[in-house]
């Protein structure tokens, strides 16, 4: 049972694939759980790799100095909402 939207699921698959998260099923990622620290335990290198993957797939630029990054990367849901709002048509 997953609380992910279709867009969140697609992003979860990209996240697992781009970060080589062996043993993590994309559908098992809680859309509202933290991506960093206590949640998936991602780090700043993971954020950079994920930003590059998102840029390639969706054409959305995530700048490392953006003050909104903490909010954008807070969870799969917030990241998905940012991507959907900013992706190239």
PDB file of N, CA and C in Angstrom:
ATOM      1  N   UNK A   1       0.845  -1.187   0.000  1.00  0.00           N
ATOM      2  CA  UNK A   1       0.000   0.000   0.000  1.00  0.00           C
ATOM      3  C   UNK A   1       0.887   1.246   0.000  1.00  0.00           C
ATOM      4  N   UNK A   2       0.679   2.095  -0.987  1.00  0.00           N
ATOM      5  CA  UNK A   2       1.541   3.252  -1.141  1.00  0.00           C
ATOM      6  C   UNK A   2       0.731   4.541  -1.097  1.00  0.00           C
ATOM      7  N   UNK A   3       1.331   5.575  -0.581  1.00  0.00           N
ATOM      8  CA  UNK A   3       0.653   6.876  -0.551  1.00  0.00           C
ATOM      9  C   UNK A   3       1.191   7.788  -1.643  1.00  0.00           C
ATOM     10  N   UNK A   4       1.815   7.203  -2.661  1.00  0.00           N
ATOM     11  CA  UNK A   4       2.425   7.996  -3.724  1.00  0.00           C
ATOM     12  C   UNK A   4       1.441   8.271  -4.863  1.00  0.00           C
ATOM     13  N   UNK A   5       1.571   9.465  -5.438  1.00  0.00           N
ATOM     14  CA  UNK A   5       0.870   9.762  -6.685  1.00  0.00           C
ATOM     15  C   UNK A   5       1.696   9.154  -7.816  1.00  0.00           C
ATOM     16  N   UNK A   6       1.155   9.164  -9.022  1.00  0.00           N
ATOM     17  CA  UNK A   6       1.885   8.630 -10.177  1.00  0.00           C
ATOM     18  C   UNK A   6       3.192   9.395 -10.391  1.00  0.00           C
ATOM     19  N   UNK A   7       3.143  10.714 -10.213  1.00  0.00           N
ATOM     20  CA  UNK A   7       4.347  11.532 -10.387  1.00  0.00           C
ATOM     21  C   UNK A   7       5.384  11.216  -9.317  1.00  0.00           C
ATOM     22  N   UNK A   8       4.912  11.023  -8.089  1.00  0.00           N
ATOM     23  CA  UNK A   8       5.833  10.684  -6.994  1.00  0.00           C
ATOM     24  C   UNK A   8       6.464   9.317  -7.229  1.00  0.00           C
ATOM     25  N   UNK A   9       5.697   8.392  -7.753  1.00  0.00           N
ATOM     26  CA  UNK A   9       6.219   7.056  -8.033  1.00  0.00           C
ATOM     27  C   UNK A   9       7.323   7.138  -9.082  1.00  0.00           C
ATOM     28  N   UNK A  10       7.084   7.915 -10.136  1.00  0.00           N
ATOM     29  CA  UNK A  10       8.088   8.087 -11.189  1.00  0.00           C
ATOM     30  C   UNK A  10       9.366   8.696 -10.610  1.00  0.00           C
ATOM     31  N   UNK A  11       9.204   9.684  -9.757  1.00  0.00           N
ATOM     32  CA  UNK A  11      10.349  10.341  -9.135  1.00  0.00           C
ATOM     33  C   UNK A  11      11.061   9.391  -8.165  1.00  0.00           C
ATOM     34  N   UNK A  12      10.294   8.573  -7.454  1.00  0.00           N
ATOM     35  CA  UNK A  12      10.882   7.581  -6.542  1.00  0.00           C
ATOM     36  C   UNK A  12      11.731   6.587  -7.331  1.00  0.00           C
ATOM     37  N   UNK A  13      11.247   6.178  -8.502  1.00  0.00           N
ATOM     38  CA  UNK A  13      12.015   5.261  -9.347  1.00  0.00           C
ATOM     39  C   UNK A  13      13.312   5.911  -9.803  1.00  0.00           C
ATOM     40  N   UNK A  14      13.241   7.188 -10.184  1.00  0.00           N
ATOM     41  CA  UNK A  14      14.437   7.924 -10.593  1.00  0.00           C
ATOM     42  C   UNK A  14      15.417   8.030  -9.426  1.00  0.00           C
ATOM     43  N   UNK A  15      14.889   8.299  -8.247  1.00  0.00           N
ATOM     44  CA  UNK A  15      15.712   8.433  -7.046  1.00  0.00           C
ATOM     45  C   UNK A  15      16.454   7.127  -6.750  1.00  0.00           C
ATOM     46  N   UNK A  16      15.730   6.025  -6.743  1.00  0.00           N
ATOM     47  CA  UNK A  16      16.332   4.719  -6.447  1.00  0.00           C
ATOM     48  C   UNK A  16      17.374   4.360  -7.512  1.00  0.00           C
ATOM     49  N   UNK A  17      17.017   4.606  -8.775  1.00  0.00           N
ATOM     50  CA  UNK A  17      17.901   4.279  -9.884  1.00  0.00           C
ATOM     51  C   UNK A  17      19.157   5.142  -9.878  1.00  0.00           C
ATOM     52  N   UNK A  18      18.988   6.459  -9.753  1.00  0.00           N
ATOM     53  CA  UNK A  18      20.132   7.363  -9.865  1.00  0.00           C
ATOM     54  C   UNK A  18      21.070   7.262  -8.665  1.00  0.00           C
ATOM     55  N   UNK A  19      20.538   6.871  -7.510  1.00  0.00           N
ATOM     56  CA  UNK A  19      21.377   6.767  -6.310  1.00  0.00           C
ATOM     57  C   UNK A  19      21.767   5.336  -5.980  1.00  0.00           C
ATOM     58  N   UNK A  20      21.411   4.407  -6.863  1.00  0.00           N
ATOM     59  CA  UNK A  20      21.738   2.990  -6.647  1.00  0.00           C
ATOM     60  C   UNK A  20      21.353   2.517  -5.252  1.00  0.00           C
ATOM     61  N   UNK A  21      20.111   2.784  -4.875  1.00  0.00           N
ATOM     62  CA  UNK A  21      19.629   2.388  -3.554  1.00  0.00           C
ATOM     63  C   UNK A  21      19.187   0.924  -3.587  1.00  0.00           C
ATOM     64  N   UNK A  22      20.167   0.044  -3.532  1.00  0.00           N
ATOM     65  CA  UNK A  22      19.868  -1.387  -3.565  1.00  0.00           C
ATOM     66  C   UNK A  22      18.984  -1.760  -2.390  1.00  0.00           C
ATOM     67  N   UNK A  23      17.995  -2.568  -2.668  1.00  0.00           N
ATOM     68  CA  UNK A  23      17.128  -3.040  -1.602  1.00  0.00           C
ATOM     69  C   UNK A  23      16.017  -2.083  -1.226  1.00  0.00           C
ATOM     70  N   UNK A  24      15.935  -0.932  -1.902  1.00  0.00           N
ATOM     71  CA  UNK A  24      14.851   0.009  -1.637  1.00  0.00           C
ATOM     72  C   UNK A  24      13.872  -0.060  -2.809  1.00  0.00           C
ATOM     73  N   UNK A  25      12.646  -0.450  -2.533  1.00  0.00           N
ATOM     74  CA  UNK A  25      11.620  -0.483  -3.572  1.00  0.00           C
ATOM     75  C   UNK A  25      11.026   0.913  -3.705  1.00  0.00           C
ATOM     76  N   UNK A  26      10.980   1.459  -4.929  1.00  0.00           N
ATOM     77  CA  UNK A  26      10.449   2.817  -5.103  1.00  0.00           C
ATOM     78  C   UNK A  26       9.073   2.994  -4.466  1.00  0.00           C
ATOM     79  N   UNK A  27       8.230   1.981  -4.584  1.00  0.00           N
ATOM     80  CA  UNK A  27       6.877   2.098  -4.036  1.00  0.00           C
ATOM     81  C   UNK A  27       6.859   2.065  -2.513  1.00  0.00           C
ATOM     82  N   UNK A  28       7.976   1.665  -1.910  1.00  0.00           N
ATOM     83  CA  UNK A  28       8.027   1.603  -0.445  1.00  0.00           C
ATOM     84  C   UNK A  28       8.416   2.932   0.199  1.00  0.00           C
ATOM     85  N   UNK A  29       8.821   3.898  -0.616  1.00  0.00           N
ATOM     86  CA  UNK A  29       9.237   5.197  -0.079  1.00  0.00           C
ATOM     87  C   UNK A  29       7.995   5.997   0.301  1.00  0.00           C
ATOM     88  N   UNK A  30       7.908   6.350   1.549  1.00  0.00           N
ATOM     89  CA  UNK A  30       6.783   7.154   2.031  1.00  0.00           C
ATOM     90  C   UNK A  30       6.916   8.559   1.451  1.00  0.00           C
ATOM     91  N   UNK A  31       5.893   9.010   0.737  1.00  0.00           N
ATOM     92  CA  UNK A  31       5.944  10.310   0.055  1.00  0.00           C
ATOM     93  C   UNK A  31       6.150  11.476   1.008  1.00  0.00           C
ATOM     94  N   UNK A  32       5.795  11.287   2.276  1.00  0.00           N
ATOM     95  CA  UNK A  32       5.909  12.381   3.230  1.00  0.00           C
ATOM     96  C   UNK A  32       7.061  12.207   4.220  1.00  0.00           C
ATOM     97  N   UNK A  33       7.780  11.108   4.124  1.00  0.00           N
ATOM     98  CA  UNK A  33       8.911  10.873   5.030  1.00  0.00           C
ATOM     99  C   UNK A  33      10.109  11.709   4.579  1.00  0.00           C
ATOM    100  N   UNK A  34      10.956  12.089   5.524  1.00  0.00           N
ATOM    101  CA  UNK A  34      12.152  12.859   5.162  1.00  0.00           C
ATOM    102  C   UNK A  34      13.069  12.057   4.237  1.00  0.00           C
ATOM    103  N   UNK A  35      13.654  12.722   3.252  1.00  0.00           N
ATOM    104  CA  UNK A  35      14.612  12.054   2.369  1.00  0.00           C
ATOM    105  C   UNK A  35      15.985  11.972   3.031  1.00  0.00           C
ATOM    106  N   UNK A  36      16.267  12.931   3.912  1.00  0.00           N
ATOM    107  CA  UNK A  36      17.590  12.990   4.527  1.00  0.00           C
ATOM    108  C   UNK A  36      17.522  12.597   5.991  1.00  0.00           C
ATOM    109  N   UNK A  37      18.663  12.336   6.556  1.00  0.00           N
ATOM    110  CA  UNK A  37      18.779  11.981   7.970  1.00  0.00           C
ATOM    111  C   UNK A  37      17.912  10.784   8.330  1.00  0.00           C
ATOM    112  N   UNK A  38      16.925  10.975   9.184  1.00  0.00           N
ATOM    113  CA  UNK A  38      16.144   9.859   9.715  1.00  0.00           C
ATOM    114  C   UNK A  38      15.354   9.105   8.649  1.00  0.00           C
ATOM    115  N   UNK A  39      14.978   9.778   7.573  1.00  0.00           N
ATOM    116  CA  UNK A  39      14.181   9.126   6.549  1.00  0.00           C
ATOM    117  C   UNK A  39      14.990   8.124   5.746  1.00  0.00           C
ATOM    118  N   UNK A  40      15.262   8.456   4.489  1.00  0.00           N
ATOM    119  CA  UNK A  40      16.045   7.566   3.625  1.00  0.00           C
ATOM    120  C   UNK A  40      17.528   7.636   3.950  1.00  0.00           C
ATOM    121  N   UNK A  41      17.933   8.647   4.702  1.00  0.00           N
ATOM    122  CA  UNK A  41      19.341   8.762   5.075  1.00  0.00           C
ATOM    123  C   UNK A  41      20.227   9.275   3.958  1.00  0.00           C
ATOM    124  N   UNK A  42      19.669  10.049   3.051  1.00  0.00           N
ATOM    125  CA  UNK A  42      20.474  10.599   1.971  1.00  0.00           C
ATOM    126  C   UNK A  42      21.394  11.695   2.507  1.00  0.00           C
ATOM    127  N   UNK A  43      22.435  11.998   1.730  1.00  0.00           N
ATOM    128  CA  UNK A  43      23.367  13.053   2.130  1.00  0.00           C
ATOM    129  C   UNK A  43      23.508  14.079   1.005  1.00  0.00           C
ATOM    130  N   UNK A  44      24.402  15.033   1.186  1.00  0.00           N
ATOM    131  CA  UNK A  44      24.532  16.121   0.218  1.00  0.00           C
ATOM    132  C   UNK A  44      25.011  15.630  -1.149  1.00  0.00           C
ATOM    133  N   UNK A  45      25.831  14.597  -1.185  1.00  0.00           N
ATOM    134  CA  UNK A  45      26.275  14.021  -2.463  1.00  0.00           C
ATOM    135  C   UNK A  45      25.078  13.415  -3.188  1.00  0.00           C
ATOM    136  N   UNK A  46      24.215  12.718  -2.422  1.00  0.00           N
ATOM    137  CA  UNK A  46      23.005  12.151  -3.008  1.00  0.00           C
ATOM    138  C   UNK A  46      22.125  13.256  -3.589  1.00  0.00           C
ATOM    139  N   UNK A  47      22.013  14.368  -2.869  1.00  0.00           N
ATOM    140  CA  UNK A  47      21.200  15.489  -3.337  1.00  0.00           C
ATOM    141  C   UNK A  47      21.737  16.020  -4.666  1.00  0.00           C
ATOM    142  N   UNK A  48      23.047  16.109  -4.781  1.00  0.00           N
ATOM    143  CA  UNK A  48      23.667  16.585  -6.010  1.00  0.00           C
ATOM    144  C   UNK A  48      23.381  15.622  -7.159  1.00  0.00           C
ATOM    145  N   UNK A  49      23.558  14.327  -6.927  1.00  0.00           N
ATOM    146  CA  UNK A  49      23.297  13.329  -7.967  1.00  0.00           C
ATOM    147  C   UNK A  49      21.827  13.331  -8.368  1.00  0.00           C
ATOM    148  N   UNK A  50      20.957  13.443  -7.394  1.00  0.00           N
ATOM    149  CA  UNK A  50      19.524  13.475  -7.666  1.00  0.00           C
ATOM    150  C   UNK A  50      19.158  14.732  -8.450  1.00  0.00           C
ATOM    151  N   UNK A  51      19.767  15.859  -8.110  1.00  0.00           N
ATOM    152  CA  UNK A  51      19.526  17.108  -8.843  1.00  0.00           C
ATOM    153  C   UNK A  51      19.902  16.962 -10.311  1.00  0.00           C
ATOM    154  N   UNK A  52      21.037  16.309 -10.575  1.00  0.00           N
ATOM    155  CA  UNK A  52      21.483  16.103 -11.956  1.00  0.00           C
ATOM    156  C   UNK A  52      20.517  15.200 -12.705  1.00  0.00           C
ATOM    157  N   UNK A  53      20.057  14.131 -12.053  1.00  0.00           N
ATOM    158  CA  UNK A  53      19.116  13.202 -12.684  1.00  0.00           C
ATOM    159  C   UNK A  53      17.793  13.904 -12.991  1.00  0.00           C
ATOM    160  N   UNK A  54      17.326  14.738 -12.069  1.00  0.00           N
ATOM    161  CA  UNK A  54      16.081  15.482 -12.264  1.00  0.00           C
ATOM    162  C   UNK A  54      16.250  16.482 -13.405  1.00  0.00           C
ATOM    163  N   UNK A  55      17.395  17.124 -13.459  1.00  0.00           N
ATOM    164  CA  UNK A  55      17.676  18.090 -14.521  1.00  0.00           C
ATOM    165  C   UNK A  55      17.634  17.405 -15.885  1.00  0.00           C
ATOM    166  N   UNK A  56      18.257  16.231 -15.992  1.00  0.00           N
ATOM    167  CA  UNK A  56      18.285  15.492 -17.254  1.00  0.00           C
ATOM    168  C   UNK A  56      16.893  15.027 -17.663  1.00  0.00           C
ATOM    169  N   UNK A  57      16.159  14.464 -16.711  1.00  0.00           N
ATOM    170  CA  UNK A  57      14.853  13.872 -17.028  1.00  0.00           C
ATOM    171  C   UNK A  57      13.759  14.912 -17.222  1.00  0.00           C
ATOM    172  N   UNK A  58      13.725  15.928 -16.378  1.00  0.00           N
ATOM    173  CA  UNK A  58      12.613  16.873 -16.384  1.00  0.00           C
ATOM    174  C   UNK A  58      12.970  18.277 -16.854  1.00  0.00           C
ATOM    175  N   UNK A  59      14.261  18.564 -17.027  1.00  0.00           N
ATOM    176  CA  UNK A  59      14.661  19.910 -17.422  1.00  0.00           C
ATOM    177  C   UNK A  59      14.497  20.929 -16.310  1.00  0.00           C
ATOM    178  N   UNK A  60      14.484  20.446 -15.068  1.00  0.00           N
ATOM    179  CA  UNK A  60      14.316  21.327 -13.906  1.00  0.00           C
ATOM    180  C   UNK A  60      15.673  21.543 -13.251  1.00  0.00           C
ATOM    181  N   UNK A  61      16.060  22.803 -13.136  1.00  0.00           N
ATOM    182  CA  UNK A  61      17.351  23.122 -12.535  1.00  0.00           C
ATOM    183  C   UNK A  61      17.198  23.320 -11.023  1.00  0.00           C
ATOM    184  N   UNK A  62      17.971  22.579 -10.266  1.00  0.00           N
ATOM    185  CA  UNK A  62      18.004  22.738  -8.807  1.00  0.00           C
ATOM    186  C   UNK A  62      19.379  23.298  -8.455  1.00  0.00           C
ATOM    187  N   UNK A  63      19.422  24.538  -8.098  1.00  0.00           N
ATOM    188  CA  UNK A  63      20.697  25.196  -7.778  1.00  0.00           C
ATOM    189  C   UNK A  63      21.104  24.889  -6.335  1.00  0.00           C
ATOM    190  N   UNK A  64      22.368  24.595  -6.143  1.00  0.00           N
ATOM    191  CA  UNK A  64      22.842  24.218  -4.807  1.00  0.00           C
ATOM    192  C   UNK A  64      22.732  25.361  -3.803  1.00  0.00           C
ATOM    193  N   UNK A  65      22.723  26.595  -4.296  1.00  0.00           N
ATOM    194  CA  UNK A  65      22.660  27.733  -3.365  1.00  0.00           C
ATOM    195  C   UNK A  65      21.233  28.259  -3.160  1.00  0.00           C
ATOM    196  N   UNK A  66      20.249  27.529  -3.662  1.00  0.00           N
ATOM    197  CA  UNK A  66      18.854  27.962  -3.512  1.00  0.00           C
ATOM    198  C   UNK A  66      18.409  27.782  -2.065  1.00  0.00           C
ATOM    199  N   UNK A  67      17.919  28.853  -1.487  1.00  0.00           N
ATOM    200  CA  UNK A  67      17.522  28.787  -0.073  1.00  0.00           C
ATOM    201  C   UNK A  67      16.286  27.912   0.149  1.00  0.00           C
ATOM    202  N   UNK A  68      15.579  27.582  -0.930  1.00  0.00           N
ATOM    203  CA  UNK A  68      14.402  26.714  -0.813  1.00  0.00           C
ATOM    204  C   UNK A  68      14.742  25.228  -0.831  1.00  0.00           C
ATOM    205  N   UNK A  69      16.000  24.886  -1.066  1.00  0.00           N
ATOM    206  CA  UNK A  69      16.357  23.472  -1.204  1.00  0.00           C
ATOM    207  C   UNK A  69      15.961  22.620  -0.007  1.00  0.00           C
ATOM    208  N   UNK A  70      16.109  23.147   1.184  1.00  0.00           N
ATOM    209  CA  UNK A  70      15.749  22.367   2.375  1.00  0.00           C
ATOM    210  C   UNK A  70      14.268  21.978   2.324  1.00  0.00           C
ATOM    211  N   UNK A  71      13.448  22.916   1.885  1.00  0.00           N
ATOM    212  CA  UNK A  71      12.016  22.632   1.761  1.00  0.00           C
ATOM    213  C   UNK A  71      11.735  21.712   0.568  1.00  0.00           C
ATOM    214  N   UNK A  72      12.377  22.003  -0.571  1.00  0.00           N
ATOM    215  CA  UNK A  72      12.160  21.205  -1.785  1.00  0.00           C
ATOM    216  C   UNK A  72      12.554  19.752  -1.560  1.00  0.00           C
ATOM    217  N   UNK A  73      13.685  19.531  -0.924  1.00  0.00           N
ATOM    218  CA  UNK A  73      14.199  18.176  -0.703  1.00  0.00           C
ATOM    219  C   UNK A  73      13.701  17.551   0.601  1.00  0.00           C
ATOM    220  N   UNK A  74      12.733  18.175   1.242  1.00  0.00           N
ATOM    221  CA  UNK A  74      12.262  17.661   2.530  1.00  0.00           C
ATOM    222  C   UNK A  74      11.689  16.255   2.403  1.00  0.00           C
ATOM    223  N   UNK A  75      10.940  16.004   1.340  1.00  0.00           N
ATOM    224  CA  UNK A  75      10.303  14.699   1.166  1.00  0.00           C
ATOM    225  C   UNK A  75      10.104  14.433  -0.319  1.00  0.00           C
ATOM    226  N   UNK A  76       9.754  13.205  -0.637  1.00  0.00           N
ATOM    227  CA  UNK A  76       9.437  12.850  -2.017  1.00  0.00           C
ATOM    228  C   UNK A  76       8.290  13.723  -2.525  1.00  0.00           C
ATOM    229  N   UNK A  77       7.308  13.954  -1.688  1.00  0.00           N
ATOM    230  CA  UNK A  77       6.149  14.752  -2.093  1.00  0.00           C
ATOM    231  C   UNK A  77       6.551  16.185  -2.418  1.00  0.00           C
ATOM    232  N   UNK A  78       7.327  16.834  -1.557  1.00  0.00           N
ATOM    233  CA  UNK A  78       7.716  18.225  -1.814  1.00  0.00           C
ATOM    234  C   UNK A  78       8.617  18.327  -3.044  1.00  0.00           C
ATOM    235  N   UNK A  79       9.481  17.340  -3.237  1.00  0.00           N
ATOM    236  CA  UNK A  79      10.350  17.329  -4.411  1.00  0.00           C
ATOM    237  C   UNK A  79       9.516  17.139  -5.675  1.00  0.00           C
ATOM    238  N   UNK A  80       8.563  16.231  -5.627  1.00  0.00           N
ATOM    239  CA  UNK A  80       7.688  15.984  -6.772  1.00  0.00           C
ATOM    240  C   UNK A  80       6.871  17.227  -7.118  1.00  0.00           C
ATOM    241  N   UNK A  81       6.339  17.894  -6.104  1.00  0.00           N
ATOM    242  CA  UNK A  81       5.553  19.107  -6.344  1.00  0.00           C
ATOM    243  C   UNK A  81       6.409  20.187  -6.994  1.00  0.00           C
ATOM    244  N   UNK A  82       7.658  20.314  -6.554  1.00  0.00           N
ATOM    245  CA  UNK A  82       8.579  21.285  -7.149  1.00  0.00           C
ATOM    246  C   UNK A  82       8.851  20.933  -8.616  1.00  0.00           C
ATOM    247  N   UNK A  83       9.127  19.667  -8.885  1.00  0.00           N
ATOM    248  CA  UNK A  83       9.413  19.231 -10.244  1.00  0.00           C
ATOM    249  C   UNK A  83       8.212  19.467 -11.157  1.00  0.00           C
ATOM    250  N   UNK A  84       7.022  19.074 -10.685  1.00  0.00           N
ATOM    251  CA  UNK A  84       5.815  19.263 -11.502  1.00  0.00           C
ATOM    252  C   UNK A  84       5.556  20.743 -11.796  1.00  0.00           C
ATOM    253  N   UNK A  85       5.825  21.601 -10.819  1.00  0.00           N
ATOM    254  CA  UNK A  85       5.572  23.035 -10.995  1.00  0.00           C
ATOM    255  C   UNK A  85       6.597  23.692 -11.914  1.00  0.00           C
ATOM    256  N   UNK A  86       7.783  23.089 -12.045  1.00  0.00           N
ATOM    257  CA  UNK A  86       8.876  23.747 -12.759  1.00  0.00           C
ATOM    258  C   UNK A  86       9.378  23.023 -13.999  1.00  0.00           C
ATOM    259  N   UNK A  87       8.843  21.850 -14.279  1.00  0.00           N
ATOM    260  CA  UNK A  87       9.388  21.084 -15.406  1.00  0.00           C
ATOM    261  C   UNK A  87       9.039  21.714 -16.742  1.00  0.00           C
ATOM    262  N   UNK A  88       9.879  21.442 -17.715  1.00  0.00           N
ATOM    263  CA  UNK A  88       9.659  21.959 -19.061  1.00  0.00           C
ATOM    264  C   UNK A  88       8.431  21.273 -19.659  1.00  0.00           C
ATOM    265  N   UNK A  89       7.644  22.030 -20.363  1.00  0.00           N
ATOM    266  CA  UNK A  89       6.402  21.489 -20.939  1.00  0.00           C
ATOM    267  C   UNK A  89       6.680  20.486 -22.039  1.00  0.00           C
TER     268      UNK A  89
END
